[in-house]
PDB file of all heavy atoms in Angstrom:
ATOM      1  N   ARG A   1     -48.463 -40.844 -75.683  1.00  0.00           N
ATOM      2  CA  ARG A   1     -47.056 -40.873 -76.060  1.00  0.00           C
ATOM      3  C   ARG A   1     -46.282 -39.825 -75.277  1.00  0.00           C
ATOM      4  O   ARG A   1     -46.784 -38.738 -75.006  1.00  0.00           O
ATOM      5  CB  ARG A   1     -46.912 -40.654 -77.564  1.00  0.00           C
ATOM      6  CG  ARG A   1     -47.562 -41.771 -78.376  1.00  0.00           C
ATOM      7  CD  ARG A   1     -47.328 -41.633 -79.860  1.00  0.00           C
ATOM      8  NE  ARG A   1     -45.921 -41.703 -80.225  1.00  0.00           N
ATOM      9  CZ  ARG A   1     -45.215 -42.843 -80.331  1.00  0.00           C
ATOM     10  NH1 ARG A   1     -45.798 -43.986 -80.090  1.00  0.00           N
ATOM     11  NH2 ARG A   1     -43.944 -42.805 -80.692  1.00  0.00           N
ATOM     12  N   ARG A   2     -45.042 -40.184 -74.956  1.00  0.00           N
ATOM     13  CA  ARG A   2     -44.183 -39.332 -74.131  1.00  0.00           C
ATOM     14  C   ARG A   2     -44.064 -37.924 -74.687  1.00  0.00           C
ATOM     15  O   ARG A   2     -44.185 -36.945 -73.948  1.00  0.00           O
ATOM     16  CB  ARG A   2     -42.797 -39.982 -74.014  1.00  0.00           C
ATOM     17  CG  ARG A   2     -41.803 -39.175 -73.203  1.00  0.00           C
ATOM     18  CD  ARG A   2     -40.431 -39.818 -73.230  1.00  0.00           C
ATOM     19  NE  ARG A   2     -39.870 -39.736 -74.574  1.00  0.00           N
ATOM     20  CZ  ARG A   2     -38.941 -40.555 -75.061  1.00  0.00           C
ATOM     21  NH1 ARG A   2     -38.485 -41.530 -74.327  1.00  0.00           N
ATOM     22  NH2 ARG A   2     -38.467 -40.388 -76.272  1.00  0.00           N
ATOM     23  N   GLU A   3     -43.843 -37.803 -75.999  1.00  0.00           N
ATOM     24  CA  GLU A   3     -43.555 -36.472 -76.548  1.00  0.00           C
ATOM     25  C   GLU A   3     -44.780 -35.553 -76.510  1.00  0.00           C
ATOM     26  O   GLU A   3     -44.641 -34.354 -76.639  1.00  0.00           O
ATOM     27  CB  GLU A   3     -42.962 -36.563 -77.947  1.00  0.00           C
ATOM     28  CG  GLU A   3     -43.882 -37.141 -78.995  1.00  0.00           C
ATOM     29  CD  GLU A   3     -43.741 -38.651 -79.161  1.00  0.00           C
ATOM     30  OE1 GLU A   3     -43.090 -39.300 -78.307  1.00  0.00           O
ATOM     31  OE2 GLU A   3     -44.284 -39.188 -80.140  1.00  0.00           O
ATOM     32  N   GLN A   4     -45.981 -36.113 -76.345  1.00  0.00           N
ATOM     33  CA  GLN A   4     -47.171 -35.271 -76.240  1.00  0.00           C
ATOM     34  C   GLN A   4     -47.645 -35.116 -74.788  1.00  0.00           C
ATOM     35  O   GLN A   4     -48.712 -34.560 -74.543  1.00  0.00           O
ATOM     36  CB  GLN A   4     -48.325 -35.871 -77.058  1.00  0.00           C
ATOM     37  CG  GLN A   4     -48.270 -35.524 -78.530  1.00  0.00           C
ATOM     38  CD  GLN A   4     -48.053 -36.744 -79.411  1.00  0.00           C
ATOM     39  OE1 GLN A   4     -48.472 -37.835 -79.070  1.00  0.00           O
ATOM     40  NE2 GLN A   4     -47.366 -36.556 -80.525  1.00  0.00           N
ATOM     41  N   SER A   5     -46.867 -35.622 -73.859  1.00  0.00           N
ATOM     42  CA  SER A   5     -47.292 -35.641 -72.465  1.00  0.00           C
ATOM     43  C   SER A   5     -46.446 -34.700 -71.620  1.00  0.00           C
ATOM     44  O   SER A   5     -45.362 -34.295 -72.025  1.00  0.00           O
ATOM     45  CB  SER A   5     -47.181 -37.067 -71.918  1.00  0.00           C
ATOM     46  OG  SER A   5     -47.968 -37.946 -72.705  1.00  0.00           O
ATOM     47  N   SER A   6     -46.962 -34.366 -70.460  1.00  0.00           N
ATOM     48  CA  SER A   6     -46.224 -33.445 -69.592  1.00  0.00           C
ATOM     49  C   SER A   6     -45.325 -34.205 -68.618  1.00  0.00           C
ATOM     50  O   SER A   6     -45.574 -35.371 -68.305  1.00  0.00           O
ATOM     51  CB  SER A   6     -47.200 -32.552 -68.814  1.00  0.00           C
ATOM     52  OG  SER A   6     -48.070 -33.351 -68.048  1.00  0.00           O
ATOM     53  N   ASN A   7     -44.291 -33.520 -68.165  1.00  0.00           N
ATOM     54  CA  ASN A   7     -43.398 -34.103 -67.170  1.00  0.00           C
ATOM     55  C   ASN A   7     -44.171 -34.319 -65.869  1.00  0.00           C
ATOM     56  O   ASN A   7     -45.088 -33.571 -65.543  1.00  0.00           O
ATOM     57  CB  ASN A   7     -42.209 -33.177 -66.909  1.00  0.00           C
ATOM     58  CG  ASN A   7     -41.243 -33.140 -68.081  1.00  0.00           C
ATOM     59  OD1 ASN A   7     -41.283 -33.989 -68.971  1.00  0.00           O
ATOM     60  ND2 ASN A   7     -40.376 -32.152 -68.097  1.00  0.00           N
ATOM     61  N   SER A   8     -43.769 -35.346 -65.143  1.00  0.00           N
ATOM     62  CA  SER A   8     -44.449 -35.677 -63.889  1.00  0.00           C
ATOM     63  C   SER A   8     -44.110 -34.685 -62.789  1.00  0.00           C
ATOM     64  O   SER A   8     -43.023 -34.099 -62.775  1.00  0.00           O
ATOM     65  CB  SER A   8     -44.026 -37.080 -63.428  1.00  0.00           C
ATOM     66  OG  SER A   8     -44.399 -38.052 -64.379  1.00  0.00           O
ATOM     67  N   HIS A   9     -45.041 -34.527 -61.858  1.00  0.00           N
ATOM     68  CA  HIS A   9     -44.787 -33.722 -60.663  1.00  0.00           C
ATOM     69  C   HIS A   9     -43.881 -34.516 -59.729  1.00  0.00           C
ATOM     70  O   HIS A   9     -44.119 -35.698 -59.482  1.00  0.00           O
ATOM     71  CB  HIS A   9     -46.093 -33.403 -59.935  1.00  0.00           C
ATOM     72  CG  HIS A   9     -46.930 -32.382 -60.625  1.00  0.00           C
ATOM     73  ND1 HIS A   9     -47.613 -31.424 -59.947  1.00  0.00           N
ATOM     74  CD2 HIS A   9     -47.191 -32.169 -61.935  1.00  0.00           C
ATOM     75  CE1 HIS A   9     -48.266 -30.652 -60.801  1.00  0.00           C
ATOM     76  NE2 HIS A   9     -48.022 -31.089 -62.021  1.00  0.00           N
ATOM     77  N   VAL A  10     -42.844 -33.858 -59.213  1.00  0.00           N
ATOM     78  CA  VAL A  10     -41.867 -34.515 -58.346  1.00  0.00           C
ATOM     79  C   VAL A  10     -42.539 -35.133 -57.123  1.00  0.00           C
ATOM     80  O   VAL A  10     -42.240 -36.269 -56.751  1.00  0.00           O
ATOM     81  CB  VAL A  10     -40.770 -33.506 -57.923  1.00  0.00           C
ATOM     82  CG1 VAL A  10     -39.945 -34.039 -56.777  1.00  0.00           C
ATOM     83  CG2 VAL A  10     -39.879 -33.191 -59.120  1.00  0.00           C
ATOM     84  N   ASP A  11     -43.453 -34.387 -56.482  1.00  0.00           N
ATOM     85  CA  ASP A  11     -44.063 -34.927 -55.265  1.00  0.00           C
ATOM     86  C   ASP A  11     -44.874 -36.186 -55.560  1.00  0.00           C
ATOM     87  O   ASP A  11     -44.880 -37.130 -54.767  1.00  0.00           O
ATOM     88  CB  ASP A  11     -44.908 -33.877 -54.536  1.00  0.00           C
ATOM     89  CG  ASP A  11     -45.985 -33.252 -55.415  1.00  0.00           C
ATOM     90  OD1 ASP A  11     -45.949 -33.440 -56.646  1.00  0.00           O
ATOM     91  OD2 ASP A  11     -46.853 -32.570 -54.856  1.00  0.00           O
ATOM     92  N   GLU A  12     -45.523 -36.249 -56.737  1.00  0.00           N
ATOM     93  CA  GLU A  12     -46.281 -37.440 -57.105  1.00  0.00           C
ATOM     94  C   GLU A  12     -45.354 -38.621 -57.366  1.00  0.00           C
ATOM     95  O   GLU A  12     -45.653 -39.748 -56.976  1.00  0.00           O
ATOM     96  CB  GLU A  12     -47.157 -37.176 -58.330  1.00  0.00           C
ATOM     97  CG  GLU A  12     -48.282 -36.198 -58.056  1.00  0.00           C
ATOM     98  CD  GLU A  12     -49.140 -35.928 -59.294  1.00  0.00           C
ATOM     99  OE1 GLU A  12     -48.866 -36.502 -60.364  1.00  0.00           O
ATOM    100  OE2 GLU A  12     -50.090 -35.140 -59.160  1.00  0.00           O
ATOM    101  N   VAL A  13     -44.225 -38.356 -58.038  1.00  0.00           N
ATOM    102  CA  VAL A  13     -43.252 -39.431 -58.298  1.00  0.00           C
ATOM    103  C   VAL A  13     -42.795 -40.042 -56.976  1.00  0.00           C
ATOM    104  O   VAL A  13     -42.794 -41.262 -56.802  1.00  0.00           O
ATOM    105  CB  VAL A  13     -42.036 -38.895 -59.093  1.00  0.00           C
ATOM    106  CG1 VAL A  13     -40.897 -39.912 -59.094  1.00  0.00           C
ATOM    107  CG2 VAL A  13     -42.442 -38.545 -60.520  1.00  0.00           C
ATOM    108  N   ILE A  14     -42.435 -39.187 -56.026  1.00  0.00           N
ATOM    109  CA  ILE A  14     -41.912 -39.687 -54.759  1.00  0.00           C
ATOM    110  C   ILE A  14     -43.002 -40.388 -53.946  1.00  0.00           C
ATOM    111  O   ILE A  14     -42.773 -41.456 -53.378  1.00  0.00           O
ATOM    112  CB  ILE A  14     -41.233 -38.541 -53.989  1.00  0.00           C
ATOM    113  CG1 ILE A  14     -39.940 -38.182 -54.733  1.00  0.00           C
ATOM    114  CG2 ILE A  14     -40.958 -38.927 -52.539  1.00  0.00           C
ATOM    115  CD1 ILE A  14     -39.246 -36.951 -54.267  1.00  0.00           C
ATOM    116  N   CYS A  15     -44.214 -39.824 -53.941  1.00  0.00           N
ATOM    117  CA  CYS A  15     -45.314 -40.431 -53.183  1.00  0.00           C
ATOM    118  C   CYS A  15     -45.709 -41.796 -53.742  1.00  0.00           C
ATOM    119  O   CYS A  15     -46.072 -42.698 -52.991  1.00  0.00           O
ATOM    120  CB  CYS A  15     -46.532 -39.518 -53.170  1.00  0.00           C
ATOM    121  SG  CYS A  15     -46.330 -38.066 -52.156  1.00  0.00           S
ATOM    122  N   GLN A  16     -45.668 -41.957 -55.061  1.00  0.00           N
ATOM    123  CA  GLN A  16     -46.153 -43.177 -55.702  1.00  0.00           C
ATOM    124  C   GLN A  16     -45.035 -44.173 -56.016  1.00  0.00           C
ATOM    125  O   GLN A  16     -45.297 -45.251 -56.525  1.00  0.00           O
ATOM    126  CB  GLN A  16     -46.887 -42.835 -57.012  1.00  0.00           C
ATOM    127  CG  GLN A  16     -48.043 -41.881 -56.852  1.00  0.00           C
ATOM    128  CD  GLN A  16     -49.163 -42.429 -55.978  1.00  0.00           C
ATOM    129  OE1 GLN A  16     -49.238 -43.619 -55.708  1.00  0.00           O
ATOM    130  NE2 GLN A  16     -50.028 -41.543 -55.511  1.00  0.00           N
ATOM    131  N   ALA A  17     -43.792 -43.825 -55.710  1.00  0.00           N
ATOM    132  CA  ALA A  17     -42.646 -44.633 -56.131  1.00  0.00           C
ATOM    133  C   ALA A  17     -42.773 -46.104 -55.741  1.00  0.00           C
ATOM    134  O   ALA A  17     -42.571 -46.993 -56.560  1.00  0.00           O
ATOM    135  CB  ALA A  17     -41.353 -44.042 -55.570  1.00  0.00           C
ATOM    136  N   LEU A  18     -43.107 -46.364 -54.481  1.00  0.00           N
ATOM    137  CA  LEU A  18     -43.178 -47.750 -54.022  1.00  0.00           C
ATOM    138  C   LEU A  18     -44.423 -48.456 -54.552  1.00  0.00           C
ATOM    139  O   LEU A  18     -44.342 -49.539 -55.106  1.00  0.00           O
ATOM    140  CB  LEU A  18     -43.173 -47.797 -52.492  1.00  0.00           C
ATOM    141  CG  LEU A  18     -41.824 -47.516 -51.846  1.00  0.00           C
ATOM    142  CD1 LEU A  18     -41.963 -47.426 -50.330  1.00  0.00           C
ATOM    143  CD2 LEU A  18     -40.819 -48.585 -52.229  1.00  0.00           C
ATOM    144  N   GLU A  19     -45.579 -47.820 -54.396  1.00  0.00           N
ATOM    145  CA  GLU A  19     -46.836 -48.460 -54.774  1.00  0.00           C
ATOM    146  C   GLU A  19     -46.864 -48.801 -56.264  1.00  0.00           C
ATOM    147  O   GLU A  19     -47.325 -49.863 -56.663  1.00  0.00           O
ATOM    148  CB  GLU A  19     -48.009 -47.544 -54.414  1.00  0.00           C
ATOM    149  CG  GLU A  19     -49.364 -48.195 -54.631  1.00  0.00           C
ATOM    150  CD  GLU A  19     -50.523 -47.255 -54.341  1.00  0.00           C
ATOM    151  OE1 GLU A  19     -50.309 -46.198 -53.715  1.00  0.00           O
ATOM    152  OE2 GLU A  19     -51.635 -47.580 -54.766  1.00  0.00           O
ATOM    153  N   TRP A  20     -46.381 -47.882 -57.108  1.00  0.00           N
ATOM    154  CA  TRP A  20     -46.423 -48.102 -58.546  1.00  0.00           C
ATOM    155  C   TRP A  20     -45.120 -48.708 -59.083  1.00  0.00           C
ATOM    156  O   TRP A  20     -44.931 -48.826 -60.281  1.00  0.00           O
ATOM    157  CB  TRP A  20     -46.737 -46.792 -59.269  1.00  0.00           C
ATOM    158  CG  TRP A  20     -48.110 -46.269 -58.966  1.00  0.00           C
ATOM    159  CD1 TRP A  20     -49.090 -46.885 -58.238  1.00  0.00           C
ATOM    160  CD2 TRP A  20     -48.656 -45.021 -59.395  1.00  0.00           C
ATOM    161  NE1 TRP A  20     -50.196 -46.083 -58.187  1.00  0.00           N
ATOM    162  CE2 TRP A  20     -49.975 -44.944 -58.881  1.00  0.00           C
ATOM    163  CE3 TRP A  20     -48.160 -43.966 -60.151  1.00  0.00           C
ATOM    164  CZ2 TRP A  20     -50.798 -43.847 -59.110  1.00  0.00           C
ATOM    165  CZ3 TRP A  20     -48.978 -42.878 -60.375  1.00  0.00           C
ATOM    166  CH2 TRP A  20     -50.289 -42.818 -59.866  1.00  0.00           C
ATOM    167  N   GLN A  21     -44.207 -49.064 -58.165  1.00  0.00           N
ATOM    168  CA  GLN A  21     -42.938 -49.715 -58.521  1.00  0.00           C
ATOM    169  C   GLN A  21     -42.172 -48.938 -59.580  1.00  0.00           C
ATOM    170  O   GLN A  21     -41.729 -49.482 -60.591  1.00  0.00           O
ATOM    171  CB  GLN A  21     -43.192 -51.159 -58.972  1.00  0.00           C
ATOM    172  CG  GLN A  21     -43.844 -51.985 -57.883  1.00  0.00           C
ATOM    173  CD  GLN A  21     -44.134 -53.411 -58.311  1.00  0.00           C
ATOM    174  OE1 GLN A  21     -44.017 -53.773 -59.474  1.00  0.00           O
ATOM    175  NE2 GLN A  21     -44.510 -54.240 -57.351  1.00  0.00           N
ATOM    176  N   LEU A  22     -42.007 -47.641 -59.330  1.00  0.00           N
ATOM    177  CA  LEU A  22     -41.218 -46.808 -60.237  1.00  0.00           C
ATOM    178  C   LEU A  22     -39.746 -47.142 -60.057  1.00  0.00           C
ATOM    179  O   LEU A  22     -39.319 -47.566 -58.986  1.00  0.00           O
ATOM    180  CB  LEU A  22     -41.471 -45.328 -59.949  1.00  0.00           C
ATOM    181  CG  LEU A  22     -42.933 -44.870 -60.087  1.00  0.00           C
ATOM    182  CD1 LEU A  22     -43.065 -43.403 -59.702  1.00  0.00           C
ATOM    183  CD2 LEU A  22     -43.452 -45.108 -61.494  1.00  0.00           C
ATOM    184  N   ASP A  23     -38.966 -46.930 -61.097  1.00  0.00           N
ATOM    185  CA  ASP A  23     -37.533 -47.247 -61.088  1.00  0.00           C
ATOM    186  C   ASP A  23     -36.835 -46.537 -59.921  1.00  0.00           C
ATOM    187  O   ASP A  23     -36.763 -45.308 -59.901  1.00  0.00           O
ATOM    188  CB  ASP A  23     -36.937 -46.799 -62.420  1.00  0.00           C
ATOM    189  CG  ASP A  23     -35.459 -47.139 -62.546  1.00  0.00           C
ATOM    190  OD1 ASP A  23     -34.716 -46.995 -61.548  1.00  0.00           O
ATOM    191  OD2 ASP A  23     -35.036 -47.519 -63.646  1.00  0.00           O
ATOM    192  N   PRO A  24     -36.318 -47.317 -58.952  1.00  0.00           N
ATOM    193  CA  PRO A  24     -35.730 -46.686 -57.762  1.00  0.00           C
ATOM    194  C   PRO A  24     -34.523 -45.802 -58.056  1.00  0.00           C
ATOM    195  O   PRO A  24     -34.306 -44.804 -57.363  1.00  0.00           O
ATOM    196  CB  PRO A  24     -35.339 -47.862 -56.866  1.00  0.00           C
ATOM    197  CG  PRO A  24     -35.463 -49.089 -57.696  1.00  0.00           C
ATOM    198  CD  PRO A  24     -36.307 -48.779 -58.889  1.00  0.00           C
ATOM    199  N   ASP A  25     -33.755 -46.133 -59.079  1.00  0.00           N
ATOM    200  CA  ASP A  25     -32.603 -45.293 -59.431  1.00  0.00           C
ATOM    201  C   ASP A  25     -33.060 -43.930 -59.937  1.00  0.00           C
ATOM    202  O   ASP A  25     -32.494 -42.901 -59.574  1.00  0.00           O
ATOM    203  CB  ASP A  25     -31.723 -45.969 -60.498  1.00  0.00           C
ATOM    204  CG  ASP A  25     -30.969 -47.169 -59.930  1.00  0.00           C
ATOM    205  OD1 ASP A  25     -30.716 -47.185 -58.703  1.00  0.00           O
ATOM    206  OD2 ASP A  25     -30.640 -48.076 -60.704  1.00  0.00           O
ATOM    207  N   LEU A  26     -34.098 -43.937 -60.781  1.00  0.00           N
ATOM    208  CA  LEU A  26     -34.624 -42.667 -61.286  1.00  0.00           C
ATOM    209  C   LEU A  26     -35.262 -41.859 -60.162  1.00  0.00           C
ATOM    210  O   LEU A  26     -35.086 -40.647 -60.077  1.00  0.00           O
ATOM    211  CB  LEU A  26     -35.647 -42.906 -62.397  1.00  0.00           C
ATOM    212  CG  LEU A  26     -35.117 -43.400 -63.738  1.00  0.00           C
ATOM    213  CD1 LEU A  26     -36.250 -43.609 -64.723  1.00  0.00           C
ATOM    214  CD2 LEU A  26     -34.086 -42.438 -64.301  1.00  0.00           C
ATOM    215  N   VAL A  27     -36.010 -42.531 -59.291  1.00  0.00           N
ATOM    216  CA  VAL A  27     -36.655 -41.841 -58.174  1.00  0.00           C
ATOM    217  C   VAL A  27     -35.586 -41.197 -57.286  1.00  0.00           C
ATOM    218  O   VAL A  27     -35.747 -40.061 -56.841  1.00  0.00           O
ATOM    219  CB  VAL A  27     -37.547 -42.805 -57.366  1.00  0.00           C
ATOM    220  CG1 VAL A  27     -38.059 -42.140 -56.097  1.00  0.00           C
ATOM    221  CG2 VAL A  27     -38.719 -43.284 -58.232  1.00  0.00           C
ATOM    222  N   ARG A  28     -34.482 -41.908 -57.071  1.00  0.00           N
ATOM    223  CA  ARG A  28     -33.397 -41.358 -56.246  1.00  0.00           C
ATOM    224  C   ARG A  28     -32.794 -40.121 -56.927  1.00  0.00           C
ATOM    225  O   ARG A  28     -32.532 -39.114 -56.268  1.00  0.00           O
ATOM    226  CB  ARG A  28     -32.316 -42.409 -55.988  1.00  0.00           C
ATOM    227  CG  ARG A  28     -31.300 -41.953 -54.912  1.00  0.00           C
ATOM    228  CD  ARG A  28     -30.176 -42.951 -54.691  1.00  0.00           C
ATOM    229  NE  ARG A  28     -29.294 -42.988 -55.856  1.00  0.00           N
ATOM    230  CZ  ARG A  28     -29.208 -44.013 -56.700  1.00  0.00           C
ATOM    231  NH1 ARG A  28     -29.939 -45.092 -56.531  1.00  0.00           N
ATOM    232  NH2 ARG A  28     -28.386 -43.961 -57.733  1.00  0.00           N
ATOM    233  N   GLN A  29     -32.617 -40.188 -58.246  1.00  0.00           N
ATOM    234  CA  GLN A  29     -32.090 -39.019 -58.972  1.00  0.00           C
ATOM    235  C   GLN A  29     -33.021 -37.822 -58.811  1.00  0.00           C
ATOM    236  O   GLN A  29     -32.568 -36.689 -58.632  1.00  0.00           O
ATOM    237  CB  GLN A  29     -31.944 -39.328 -60.465  1.00  0.00           C
ATOM    238  CG  GLN A  29     -30.782 -40.237 -60.806  1.00  0.00           C
ATOM    239  CD  GLN A  29     -30.747 -40.515 -62.300  1.00  0.00           C
ATOM    240  OE1 GLN A  29     -30.814 -39.600 -63.106  1.00  0.00           O
ATOM    241  NE2 GLN A  29     -30.651 -41.780 -62.666  1.00  0.00           N
ATOM    242  N   VAL A  30     -34.323 -38.075 -58.885  1.00  0.00           N
ATOM    243  CA  VAL A  30     -35.304 -37.005 -58.717  1.00  0.00           C
ATOM    244  C   VAL A  30     -35.180 -36.414 -57.315  1.00  0.00           C
ATOM    245  O   VAL A  30     -35.085 -35.197 -57.138  1.00  0.00           O
ATOM    246  CB  VAL A  30     -36.741 -37.526 -58.967  1.00  0.00           C
ATOM    247  CG1 VAL A  30     -37.772 -36.493 -58.544  1.00  0.00           C
ATOM    248  CG2 VAL A  30     -36.926 -37.902 -60.430  1.00  0.00           C
ATOM    249  N   ALA A  31     -35.166 -37.277 -56.305  1.00  0.00           N
ATOM    250  CA  ALA A  31     -35.105 -36.817 -54.913  1.00  0.00           C
ATOM    251  C   ALA A  31     -33.838 -36.014 -54.656  1.00  0.00           C
ATOM    252  O   ALA A  31     -33.869 -34.989 -53.970  1.00  0.00           O
ATOM    253  CB  ALA A  31     -35.190 -38.011 -53.969  1.00  0.00           C
ATOM    254  N   GLU A  32     -32.715 -36.468 -55.230  1.00  0.00           N
ATOM    255  CA  GLU A  32     -31.443 -35.780 -55.008  1.00  0.00           C
ATOM    256  C   GLU A  32     -31.380 -34.443 -55.739  1.00  0.00           C
ATOM    257  O   GLU A  32     -30.601 -33.573 -55.385  1.00  0.00           O
ATOM    258  CB  GLU A  32     -30.279 -36.673 -55.462  1.00  0.00           C
ATOM    259  CG  GLU A  32     -30.047 -37.839 -54.513  1.00  0.00           C
ATOM    260  CD  GLU A  32     -29.021 -38.834 -55.055  1.00  0.00           C
ATOM    261  OE1 GLU A  32     -28.565 -38.668 -56.214  1.00  0.00           O
ATOM    262  OE2 GLU A  32     -28.685 -39.772 -54.313  1.00  0.00           O
ATOM    263  N   ALA A  33     -32.221 -34.273 -56.759  1.00  0.00           N
ATOM    264  CA  ALA A  33     -32.167 -33.048 -57.562  1.00  0.00           C
ATOM    265  C   ALA A  33     -33.058 -31.936 -57.013  1.00  0.00           C
ATOM    266  O   ALA A  33     -33.004 -30.820 -57.489  1.00  0.00           O
ATOM    267  CB  ALA A  33     -32.579 -33.361 -59.004  1.00  0.00           C
ATOM    268  N   ILE A  34     -33.861 -32.266 -56.006  1.00  0.00           N
ATOM    269  CA  ILE A  34     -34.743 -31.234 -55.438  1.00  0.00           C
ATOM    270  C   ILE A  34     -33.877 -30.168 -54.778  1.00  0.00           C
ATOM    271  O   ILE A  34     -33.015 -30.482 -53.974  1.00  0.00           O
ATOM    272  CB  ILE A  34     -35.693 -31.842 -54.393  1.00  0.00           C
ATOM    273  CG1 ILE A  34     -36.560 -32.917 -55.041  1.00  0.00           C
ATOM    274  CG2 ILE A  34     -36.570 -30.755 -53.770  1.00  0.00           C
ATOM    275  CD1 ILE A  34     -37.207 -33.820 -54.031  1.00  0.00           C
ATOM    276  N   PRO A  35     -34.097 -28.901 -55.104  1.00  0.00           N
ATOM    277  CA  PRO A  35     -33.286 -27.836 -54.507  1.00  0.00           C
ATOM    278  C   PRO A  35     -33.348 -27.878 -52.984  1.00  0.00           C
ATOM    279  O   PRO A  35     -34.406 -28.079 -52.406  1.00  0.00           O
ATOM    280  CB  PRO A  35     -33.925 -26.553 -55.042  1.00  0.00           C
ATOM    281  CG  PRO A  35     -34.602 -26.976 -56.303  1.00  0.00           C
ATOM    282  CD  PRO A  35     -35.050 -28.394 -56.078  1.00  0.00           C
ATOM    283  N   TYR A  36     -32.198 -27.706 -52.369  1.00  0.00           N
ATOM    284  CA  TYR A  36     -32.039 -27.670 -50.917  1.00  0.00           C
ATOM    285  C   TYR A  36     -32.414 -28.985 -50.251  1.00  0.00           C
ATOM    286  O   TYR A  36     -32.551 -29.039 -49.041  1.00  0.00           O
ATOM    287  CB  TYR A  36     -32.871 -26.533 -50.285  1.00  0.00           C
ATOM    288  CG  TYR A  36     -32.791 -25.250 -51.061  1.00  0.00           C
ATOM    289  CD1 TYR A  36     -33.929 -24.706 -51.652  1.00  0.00           C
ATOM    290  CD2 TYR A  36     -31.583 -24.610 -51.246  1.00  0.00           C
ATOM    291  CE1 TYR A  36     -33.857 -23.537 -52.399  1.00  0.00           C
ATOM    292  CE2 TYR A  36     -31.500 -23.438 -51.994  1.00  0.00           C
ATOM    293  CZ  TYR A  36     -32.643 -22.911 -52.562  1.00  0.00           C
ATOM    294  OH  TYR A  36     -32.574 -21.775 -53.297  1.00  0.00           O
ATOM    295  N   GLY A  37     -32.652 -30.048 -51.045  1.00  0.00           N
ATOM    296  CA  GLY A  37     -33.017 -31.327 -50.464  1.00  0.00           C
ATOM    297  C   GLY A  37     -34.265 -31.250 -49.618  1.00  0.00           C
ATOM    298  O   GLY A  37     -34.372 -31.929 -48.614  1.00  0.00           O
ATOM    299  N   ASP A  38     -35.215 -30.419 -49.995  1.00  0.00           N
ATOM    300  CA  ASP A  38     -36.426 -30.206 -49.210  1.00  0.00           C
ATOM    301  C   ASP A  38     -37.309 -31.445 -49.246  1.00  0.00           C
ATOM    302  O   ASP A  38     -37.855 -31.790 -50.283  1.00  0.00           O
ATOM    303  CB  ASP A  38     -37.176 -29.006 -49.792  1.00  0.00           C
ATOM    304  CG  ASP A  38     -38.432 -28.665 -49.025  1.00  0.00           C
ATOM    305  OD1 ASP A  38     -38.786 -29.428 -48.094  1.00  0.00           O
ATOM    306  OD2 ASP A  38     -39.054 -27.653 -49.341  1.00  0.00           O
ATOM    307  N   PRO A  39     -37.458 -32.148 -48.132  1.00  0.00           N
ATOM    308  CA  PRO A  39     -38.224 -33.389 -48.145  1.00  0.00           C
ATOM    309  C   PRO A  39     -39.728 -33.158 -48.308  1.00  0.00           C
ATOM    310  O   PRO A  39     -40.455 -34.033 -48.738  1.00  0.00           O
ATOM    311  CB  PRO A  39     -37.938 -34.013 -46.781  1.00  0.00           C
ATOM    312  CG  PRO A  39     -37.582 -32.857 -45.911  1.00  0.00           C
ATOM    313  CD  PRO A  39     -36.936 -31.829 -46.808  1.00  0.00           C
ATOM    314  N   ASP A  40     -40.208 -31.976 -47.972  1.00  0.00           N
ATOM    315  CA  ASP A  40     -41.640 -31.700 -48.065  1.00  0.00           C
ATOM    316  C   ASP A  40     -42.032 -31.207 -49.451  1.00  0.00           C
ATOM    317  O   ASP A  40     -43.218 -31.077 -49.740  1.00  0.00           O
ATOM    318  CB  ASP A  40     -42.056 -30.650 -47.025  1.00  0.00           C
ATOM    319  CG  ASP A  40     -41.817 -31.147 -45.613  1.00  0.00           C
ATOM    320  OD1 ASP A  40     -41.976 -32.368 -45.396  1.00  0.00           O
ATOM    321  OD2 ASP A  40     -41.468 -30.335 -44.754  1.00  0.00           O
ATOM    322  N   LEU A  41     -41.043 -30.894 -50.286  1.00  0.00           N
ATOM    323  CA  LEU A  41     -41.294 -30.416 -51.636  1.00  0.00           C
ATOM    324  C   LEU A  41     -42.164 -29.173 -51.643  1.00  0.00           C
ATOM    325  O   LEU A  41     -42.894 -28.924 -52.580  1.00  0.00           O
ATOM    326  CB  LEU A  41     -41.972 -31.506 -52.476  1.00  0.00           C
ATOM    327  CG  LEU A  41     -41.211 -32.808 -52.562  1.00  0.00           C
ATOM    328  CD1 LEU A  41     -42.043 -33.849 -53.286  1.00  0.00           C
ATOM    329  CD2 LEU A  41     -39.910 -32.604 -53.293  1.00  0.00           C
ATOM    330  N   GLU A  42     -42.124 -28.413 -50.582  1.00  0.00           N
ATOM    331  CA  GLU A  42     -42.905 -27.181 -50.541  1.00  0.00           C
ATOM    332  C   GLU A  42     -42.052 -26.067 -51.122  1.00  0.00           C
ATOM    333  O   GLU A  42     -41.046 -25.688 -50.549  1.00  0.00           O
ATOM    334  CB  GLU A  42     -43.298 -26.828 -49.097  1.00  0.00           C
ATOM    335  CG  GLU A  42     -44.362 -27.730 -48.537  1.00  0.00           C
ATOM    336  CD  GLU A  42     -45.691 -27.584 -49.279  1.00  0.00           C
ATOM    337  OE1 GLU A  42     -46.020 -26.457 -49.690  1.00  0.00           O
ATOM    338  OE2 GLU A  42     -46.373 -28.591 -49.449  1.00  0.00           O
ATOM    339  N   ALA A  43     -42.465 -25.561 -52.262  1.00  0.00           N
ATOM    340  CA  ALA A  43     -41.726 -24.468 -52.881  1.00  0.00           C
ATOM    341  C   ALA A  43     -42.209 -23.173 -52.242  1.00  0.00           C
ATOM    342  O   ALA A  43     -42.987 -22.435 -52.816  1.00  0.00           O
ATOM    343  CB  ALA A  43     -41.962 -24.454 -54.380  1.00  0.00           C
ATOM    344  N   ASP A  44     -41.784 -22.935 -51.009  1.00  0.00           N
ATOM    345  CA  ASP A  44     -42.380 -21.814 -50.288  1.00  0.00           C
ATOM    346  C   ASP A  44     -41.340 -20.792 -49.852  1.00  0.00           C
ATOM    347  O   ASP A  44     -41.444 -20.221 -48.791  1.00  0.00           O
ATOM    348  CB  ASP A  44     -43.156 -22.335 -49.070  1.00  0.00           C
ATOM    349  CG  ASP A  44     -42.277 -23.108 -48.089  1.00  0.00           C
ATOM    350  OD1 ASP A  44     -41.069 -23.249 -48.363  1.00  0.00           O
ATOM    351  OD2 ASP A  44     -42.771 -23.555 -47.067  1.00  0.00           O
ATOM    352  N   GLU A  45     -40.320 -20.613 -50.670  1.00  0.00           N
ATOM    353  CA  GLU A  45     -39.303 -19.623 -50.336  1.00  0.00           C
ATOM    354  C   GLU A  45     -39.360 -18.493 -51.336  1.00  0.00           C
ATOM    355  O   GLU A  45     -39.763 -18.685 -52.464  1.00  0.00           O
ATOM    356  CB  GLU A  45     -37.899 -20.259 -50.378  1.00  0.00           C
ATOM    357  CG  GLU A  45     -37.712 -21.391 -49.392  1.00  0.00           C
ATOM    358  CD  GLU A  45     -37.935 -20.960 -47.953  1.00  0.00           C
ATOM    359  OE1 GLU A  45     -37.492 -19.856 -47.585  1.00  0.00           O
ATOM    360  OE2 GLU A  45     -38.556 -21.714 -47.203  1.00  0.00           O
TER     361      GLU A  45
END
């Protein structure tokens, strides 16, 4: 159940979006919300 589960990792959502047919609107919201629009999702700053 959702309320007992953890939030998904952003990089996994983006990597699996097409293969697992995740909602493209939600995936786009996730991608747009990444700080600095970092496409590599490397939190290395």
